[in-house]
Amino acid sequence: MLTRFLGLRYHWLARNWVPPASMRGAMGAVGLVWATDWQLILHWVPYINSKFKRGD
């Protein structure tokens, strides 16, 4: 369906750029968690949020 709108060359280019783009997105997400308050973000992960219970 993509080749019908963009052509065969652009379909090939888009298919080749998906792995690097997804890897950069994953690295950006990890960098965001590292640069911000990581406990605040990891509070929403179901397995990890039980490790950071506060004794309020």
C-alpha atoms as a PDB file:
ATOM      1  CA  MET A   1       0.000   0.000   0.000  1.00  0.00           C
ATOM      2  CA  LEU A   2       2.901   2.323   0.724  1.00  0.00           C
ATOM      3  CA  THR A   3       4.388   1.700  -2.706  1.00  0.00           C
ATOM      4  CA  ARG A   4       1.152   2.795  -4.344  1.00  0.00           C
ATOM      5  CA  PHE A   5       1.380   6.272  -2.797  1.00  0.00           C
ATOM      6  CA  LEU A   6       5.119   6.876  -2.617  1.00  0.00           C
ATOM      7  CA  GLY A   7       6.709   4.566  -5.141  1.00  0.00           C
ATOM      8  CA  LEU A   8       9.050   1.614  -4.847  1.00  0.00           C
ATOM      9  CA  ARG A   9      12.150   3.667  -4.043  1.00  0.00           C
ATOM     10  CA  TYR A  10      10.588   5.449  -1.079  1.00  0.00           C
ATOM     11  CA  HIS A  11       9.133   2.193   0.192  1.00  0.00           C
ATOM     12  CA  TRP A  12      12.653   0.721   0.183  1.00  0.00           C
ATOM     13  CA  LEU A  13      14.073   3.782   1.961  1.00  0.00           C
ATOM     14  CA  ALA A  14      11.348   3.750   4.613  1.00  0.00           C
ATOM     15  CA  ARG A  15      11.828   0.028   5.230  1.00  0.00           C
ATOM     16  CA  ASN A  16      15.571   0.516   5.706  1.00  0.00           C
ATOM     17  CA  TRP A  17      15.164   3.446   8.128  1.00  0.00           C
ATOM     18  CA  VAL A  18      12.741   1.742  10.519  1.00  0.00           C
ATOM     19  CA  PRO A  19      15.390  -0.123  12.619  1.00  0.00           C
ATOM     20  CA  PRO A  20      17.686   2.905  13.132  1.00  0.00           C
ATOM     21  CA  ALA A  21      14.738   5.177  13.898  1.00  0.00           C
ATOM     22  CA  SER A  22      13.304   2.745  16.447  1.00  0.00           C
ATOM     23  CA  MET A  23      16.715   2.318  18.069  1.00  0.00           C
ATOM     24  CA  ARG A  24      17.168   6.077  18.369  1.00  0.00           C
ATOM     25  CA  GLY A  25      13.681   6.346  19.847  1.00  0.00           C
ATOM     26  CA  ALA A  26      14.493   3.692  22.436  1.00  0.00           C
ATOM     27  CA  MET A  27      17.764   5.428  23.290  1.00  0.00           C
ATOM     28  CA  GLY A  28      15.905   8.717  23.628  1.00  0.00           C
ATOM     29  CA  ALA A  29      13.374   7.154  25.988  1.00  0.00           C
ATOM     30  CA  VAL A  30      16.129   5.675  28.160  1.00  0.00           C
ATOM     31  CA  GLY A  31      17.925   9.026  28.121  1.00  0.00           C
ATOM     32  CA  LEU A  32      14.745  10.788  29.207  1.00  0.00           C
ATOM     33  CA  VAL A  33      14.298   8.421  32.138  1.00  0.00           C
ATOM     34  CA  TRP A  34      17.968   8.883  33.068  1.00  0.00           C
ATOM     35  CA  ALA A  35      17.854  12.685  32.860  1.00  0.00           C
ATOM     36  CA  THR A  36      14.618  13.154  34.809  1.00  0.00           C
ATOM     37  CA  ASP A  37      13.362  11.906  38.133  1.00  0.00           C
ATOM     38  CA  TRP A  38      13.574   8.178  37.351  1.00  0.00           C
ATOM     39  CA  GLN A  39      11.480   7.095  40.339  1.00  0.00           C
ATOM     40  CA  LEU A  40       8.632   9.302  39.139  1.00  0.00           C
ATOM     41  CA  ILE A  41       8.657   7.694  35.688  1.00  0.00           C
ATOM     42  CA  LEU A  42       9.275   4.128  36.862  1.00  0.00           C
ATOM     43  CA  HIS A  43       6.329   4.446  39.246  1.00  0.00           C
ATOM     44  CA  TRP A  44       4.113   3.641  36.248  1.00  0.00           C
ATOM     45  CA  VAL A  45       5.914   0.362  35.422  1.00  0.00           C
ATOM     46  CA  PRO A  46       3.903  -2.416  37.112  1.00  0.00           C
ATOM     47  CA  TYR A  47       6.762  -4.701  38.206  1.00  0.00           C
ATOM     48  CA  ILE A  48       9.124  -1.988  39.405  1.00  0.00           C
ATOM     49  CA  ASN A  49       6.680   0.329  41.216  1.00  0.00           C
ATOM     50  CA  SER A  50       6.438  -1.982  44.263  1.00  0.00           C
ATOM     51  CA  LYS A  51      10.172  -1.509  44.944  1.00  0.00           C
ATOM     52  CA  PHE A  52       9.839   2.231  45.541  1.00  0.00           C
ATOM     53  CA  LYS A  53       7.124   2.378  48.200  1.00  0.00           C
ATOM     54  CA  ARG A  54       7.377   5.461  50.381  1.00  0.00           C
ATOM     55  CA  GLY A  55       6.945   5.266  54.109  1.00  0.00           C
ATOM     56  CA  ASP A  56       4.678   8.333  54.366  1.00  0.00           C
END
